[in-house]
Amino acid sequence: MATATYEAGAGAVTVAIDGDHDAWLAAGRYGAVDGATRWLSLEESVYLAALGRIAFASMALPTAYASFAARDAAFPARYAVYHHYRSQGWIVQSGLAYGTLFALYSASPDDVHSEYLVYLDPANKPLSWPSMQVLTRLSEDVKKTILLCQLHDPSSAPTNALLITTPVVTLALSEVMFRYWPALASAETTPTTYAMRPATTIPKRKRR
């Protein structure tokens, strides 16, 4: 188990590179390397601590989680979403380049393109039509499926919400999957034409 240090000024957590353990972190695409140090996001560090892969140097996991939440009120929501998709087997990376919270990869980002973009709606209210249009156009431009997520208190969550249970927080998540699809261009006319199909993994071209 690696020892992690909270770098409050940077809003991140560092872990010294130590051979075999770092190889596991690298394979899972956790954090980024700078010299002899691996920098983890707060979400990554809490997730890894919950797995027993790292331990915070000066505080227990619940204390670390509380510190991160006190620093950023949106952290609990981000972590719950991160935990959910990582637990489902996705490699979860920042979606900043697309204007979303996360991008989900089924394999190494070196080998494949992301299949889904996670957009978290913290307000838990219907999106405006302009906002929906922006996400729809984004989906078309980058050829990815959007996952529109909302978090709820488990006691008042919709019946179709998924329960996210972690060592530090329990929330319910509901998600809507959508992407741009030109219905008029489809040769099919049956109602099943409109059924959402799973996204396909697109390999990246290897540079010569």
Protein backbone atom coordinates (compact mmCIF):
# COMPACT_ATOMS: atom_id res chain seq x y z
CA MET A 1 0.00 0.00 0.00
CA ALA A 2 1.38 3.39 -1.01
CA THR A 3 1.40 6.44 1.23
CA ALA A 4 -0.44 9.45 -0.17
CA THR A 5 0.04 13.11 0.74
CA TYR A 6 -2.67 15.72 0.39
CA GLU A 7 -1.30 18.80 -1.38
CA ALA A 8 -3.90 21.33 -0.24
CA GLY A 9 -2.48 24.19 -2.28
CA ALA A 10 -2.77 22.19 -5.51
CA GLY A 11 -6.06 20.52 -4.66
CA ALA A 12 -4.55 17.12 -5.41
CA VAL A 13 -2.89 14.11 -3.78
CA THR A 14 0.63 12.84 -4.47
CA VAL A 15 2.07 9.34 -4.31
CA ALA A 16 5.74 8.47 -4.72
CA ILE A 17 6.46 6.17 -7.65
CA ASP A 18 7.54 2.79 -6.30
CA GLY A 19 7.74 0.20 -9.04
CA ASP A 20 5.12 -2.56 -9.00
CA HIS A 21 2.45 -0.55 -7.21
CA ASP A 22 2.86 2.37 -9.58
CA ALA A 23 2.64 0.00 -12.52
CA TRP A 24 -0.83 -0.98 -11.28
CA LEU A 25 -1.84 2.69 -11.01
CA ALA A 26 -0.48 3.41 -14.47
CA ALA A 27 -2.34 0.45 -15.99
CA GLY A 28 -5.57 1.77 -14.50
CA ARG A 29 -4.80 5.28 -15.74
CA TYR A 30 -4.90 6.85 -12.31
CA GLY A 31 -3.39 10.32 -12.14
CA ALA A 32 -0.44 11.77 -14.01
CA VAL A 33 3.31 11.43 -13.51
CA ASP A 34 5.65 14.34 -12.86
CA GLY A 35 9.20 13.17 -12.24
CA ALA A 36 9.18 10.69 -9.36
CA THR A 37 5.67 11.61 -8.23
CA ARG A 38 2.21 10.54 -9.34
CA TRP A 39 -0.45 13.21 -8.93
CA LEU A 40 -3.98 12.01 -8.25
CA SER A 41 -7.24 13.92 -8.34
CA LEU A 42 -9.21 14.04 -5.10
CA GLU A 43 -11.78 11.64 -6.54
CA GLU A 44 -9.08 9.17 -7.57
CA SER A 45 -7.38 9.32 -4.18
CA VAL A 46 -10.56 8.62 -2.19
CA TYR A 47 -11.49 5.77 -4.52
CA LEU A 48 -8.03 4.19 -4.23
CA ALA A 49 -8.03 4.62 -0.45
CA ALA A 50 -11.42 2.90 -0.29
CA LEU A 51 -9.90 0.00 -2.27
CA GLY A 52 -6.97 -0.18 0.14
CA ARG A 53 -4.47 0.72 -2.57
CA ILE A 54 -3.25 3.90 -0.86
CA ALA A 55 -3.39 5.36 2.65
CA PHE A 56 -3.30 9.04 3.53
CA ALA A 57 -0.17 9.98 5.47
CA SER A 58 -1.76 12.10 8.18
CA MET A 59 -5.47 11.30 8.22
CA ALA A 60 -7.97 8.48 7.93
CA LEU A 61 -10.20 8.10 4.88
CA PRO A 62 -13.32 9.68 6.48
CA THR A 63 -11.25 12.68 7.57
CA ALA A 64 -9.78 13.06 4.09
CA TYR A 65 -13.23 12.90 2.52
CA ALA A 66 -14.57 15.52 4.95
CA SER A 67 -11.58 17.78 4.23
CA PHE A 68 -12.10 17.53 0.48
CA ALA A 69 -15.84 18.21 0.84
CA ALA A 70 -15.14 21.24 3.04
CA ARG A 71 -12.75 22.57 0.40
CA ASP A 72 -15.22 22.06 -2.45
CA ALA A 73 -18.96 21.66 -1.86
CA ALA A 74 -19.34 19.89 -5.22
CA PHE A 75 -16.82 17.17 -4.33
CA PRO A 76 -19.29 14.65 -2.81
CA ALA A 77 -21.37 14.66 -5.99
CA ARG A 78 -18.33 14.32 -8.25
CA TYR A 79 -16.94 11.51 -6.15
CA ALA A 80 -20.21 9.57 -6.12
CA VAL A 81 -20.37 9.70 -9.92
CA TYR A 82 -16.67 8.82 -10.26
CA HIS A 83 -17.03 5.89 -7.83
CA HIS A 84 -20.05 4.57 -9.69
CA TYR A 85 -18.47 4.43 -13.12
CA ARG A 86 -15.07 3.22 -11.92
CA SER A 87 -16.85 0.42 -10.05
CA GLN A 88 -18.59 -0.49 -13.31
CA GLY A 89 -15.19 -1.11 -14.89
CA TRP A 90 -14.81 2.13 -16.85
CA ILE A 91 -11.58 4.11 -16.99
CA VAL A 92 -12.79 7.52 -15.86
CA GLN A 93 -10.91 10.56 -17.11
CA SER A 94 -11.60 14.28 -16.99
CA GLY A 95 -14.19 15.48 -19.49
CA LEU A 96 -12.92 19.06 -19.38
CA ALA A 97 -11.89 19.00 -23.05
CA TYR A 98 -15.54 18.38 -23.95
CA GLY A 99 -17.12 20.66 -21.37
CA THR A 100 -18.42 17.70 -19.35
CA LEU A 101 -17.53 16.18 -15.98
CA PHE A 102 -15.99 12.88 -17.08
CA ALA A 103 -15.16 10.88 -20.19
CA LEU A 104 -15.53 7.08 -19.99
CA TYR A 105 -13.16 4.64 -21.71
CA SER A 106 -13.59 0.88 -21.99
CA ALA A 107 -9.82 0.43 -22.38
CA SER A 108 -6.66 2.51 -22.22
CA PRO A 109 -7.12 6.05 -23.61
CA ASP A 110 -3.90 5.36 -25.52
CA ASP A 111 -5.70 2.69 -27.53
CA VAL A 112 -9.36 3.72 -27.84
CA HIS A 113 -11.51 6.82 -27.92
CA SER A 114 -13.92 7.52 -25.08
CA GLU A 115 -17.42 6.16 -25.63
CA TYR A 116 -19.44 8.25 -23.18
CA LEU A 117 -19.35 11.77 -21.77
CA VAL A 118 -20.80 12.26 -18.29
CA TYR A 119 -22.70 15.49 -17.69
CA LEU A 120 -23.73 16.03 -14.06
CA ASP A 121 -26.81 18.16 -13.50
CA PRO A 122 -26.44 19.31 -9.87
CA ALA A 123 -29.67 21.30 -9.94
CA ASN A 124 -31.80 18.17 -10.44
CA LYS A 125 -34.24 20.00 -12.65
CA PRO A 126 -35.15 19.69 -16.34
CA LEU A 127 -32.54 21.11 -18.68
CA SER A 128 -33.52 24.11 -20.76
CA TRP A 129 -33.94 23.51 -24.48
CA PRO A 130 -30.83 25.59 -25.30
CA SER A 131 -28.76 23.49 -22.87
CA MET A 132 -30.15 20.27 -24.34
CA GLN A 133 -29.33 21.50 -27.83
CA VAL A 134 -25.74 22.26 -26.79
CA LEU A 135 -25.29 18.72 -25.47
CA THR A 136 -26.94 17.23 -28.54
CA ARG A 137 -24.63 19.13 -30.87
CA LEU A 138 -21.65 18.15 -28.73
CA SER A 139 -22.68 14.51 -29.03
CA GLU A 140 -22.84 14.82 -32.81
CA ASP A 141 -19.59 16.76 -33.18
CA VAL A 142 -17.46 14.31 -31.17
CA LYS A 143 -19.47 11.15 -32.01
CA LYS A 144 -20.06 10.19 -28.40
CA THR A 145 -23.04 9.32 -26.22
CA ILE A 146 -24.00 11.73 -23.44
CA LEU A 147 -24.89 10.42 -19.98
CA LEU A 148 -26.98 13.05 -18.21
CA CYS A 149 -26.73 12.24 -14.49
CA GLN A 150 -28.63 13.49 -11.46
CA LEU A 151 -27.99 12.61 -7.82
CA HIS A 152 -30.68 12.18 -5.18
CA ASP A 153 -31.11 11.48 -1.51
CA PRO A 154 -31.85 7.72 -1.37
CA SER A 155 -35.00 8.34 0.69
CA SER A 156 -36.58 10.44 -2.05
CA ALA A 157 -34.95 9.08 -5.20
CA PRO A 158 -36.90 8.08 -8.32
CA THR A 159 -37.83 4.41 -8.47
CA ASN A 160 -35.45 3.80 -11.37
CA ALA A 161 -32.43 5.39 -9.65
CA LEU A 162 -29.32 3.32 -8.91
CA LEU A 163 -28.04 3.22 -5.34
CA ILE A 164 -24.37 4.21 -5.02
CA THR A 165 -22.91 2.91 -1.76
CA THR A 166 -19.34 3.87 -0.87
CA PRO A 167 -17.40 3.80 2.42
CA VAL A 168 -17.95 7.55 2.78
CA VAL A 169 -21.25 8.44 1.10
CA THR A 170 -24.47 6.81 -0.11
CA LEU A 171 -26.47 8.50 -2.86
CA ALA A 172 -28.87 7.51 -5.62
CA LEU A 173 -28.10 8.19 -9.26
CA SER A 174 -30.43 8.48 -12.23
CA GLU A 175 -29.08 8.75 -15.74
CA VAL A 176 -30.46 9.50 -19.18
CA MET A 177 -28.51 8.38 -22.22
CA PHE A 178 -28.82 10.34 -25.44
CA ARG A 179 -26.98 11.22 -28.60
CA TYR A 180 -27.68 12.94 -31.89
CA TRP A 181 -29.34 10.66 -34.41
CA PRO A 182 -30.71 11.77 -37.83
CA ALA A 183 -34.03 9.89 -37.87
CA LEU A 184 -34.92 11.11 -41.36
CA ALA A 185 -31.74 9.60 -42.74
CA SER A 186 -32.60 6.12 -41.47
CA ALA A 187 -33.91 3.57 -43.93
CA GLU A 188 -35.84 1.85 -41.15
CA THR A 189 -39.38 2.94 -40.35
CA THR A 190 -40.34 0.58 -37.54
CA PRO A 191 -40.66 1.85 -33.93
CA THR A 192 -37.57 -0.14 -32.96
CA THR A 193 -35.57 2.32 -35.03
CA TYR A 194 -35.72 4.69 -32.10
CA ALA A 195 -34.27 2.25 -29.54
CA MET A 196 -30.93 3.34 -28.09
CA ARG A 197 -28.12 1.06 -29.12
CA PRO A 198 -24.90 0.63 -27.11
CA ALA A 199 -22.00 2.84 -28.10
CA THR A 200 -19.21 1.15 -30.01
CA THR A 201 -15.54 1.27 -29.08
CA ILE A 202 -13.48 3.14 -31.68
CA PRO A 203 -9.75 2.24 -31.74
CA LYS A 204 -7.25 5.05 -32.08
CA ARG A 205 -4.96 5.23 -35.06
CA LYS A 206 -1.40 4.38 -34.13
CA ARG A 207 1.19 6.99 -34.97
CA ARG A 208 3.98 5.75 -37.16
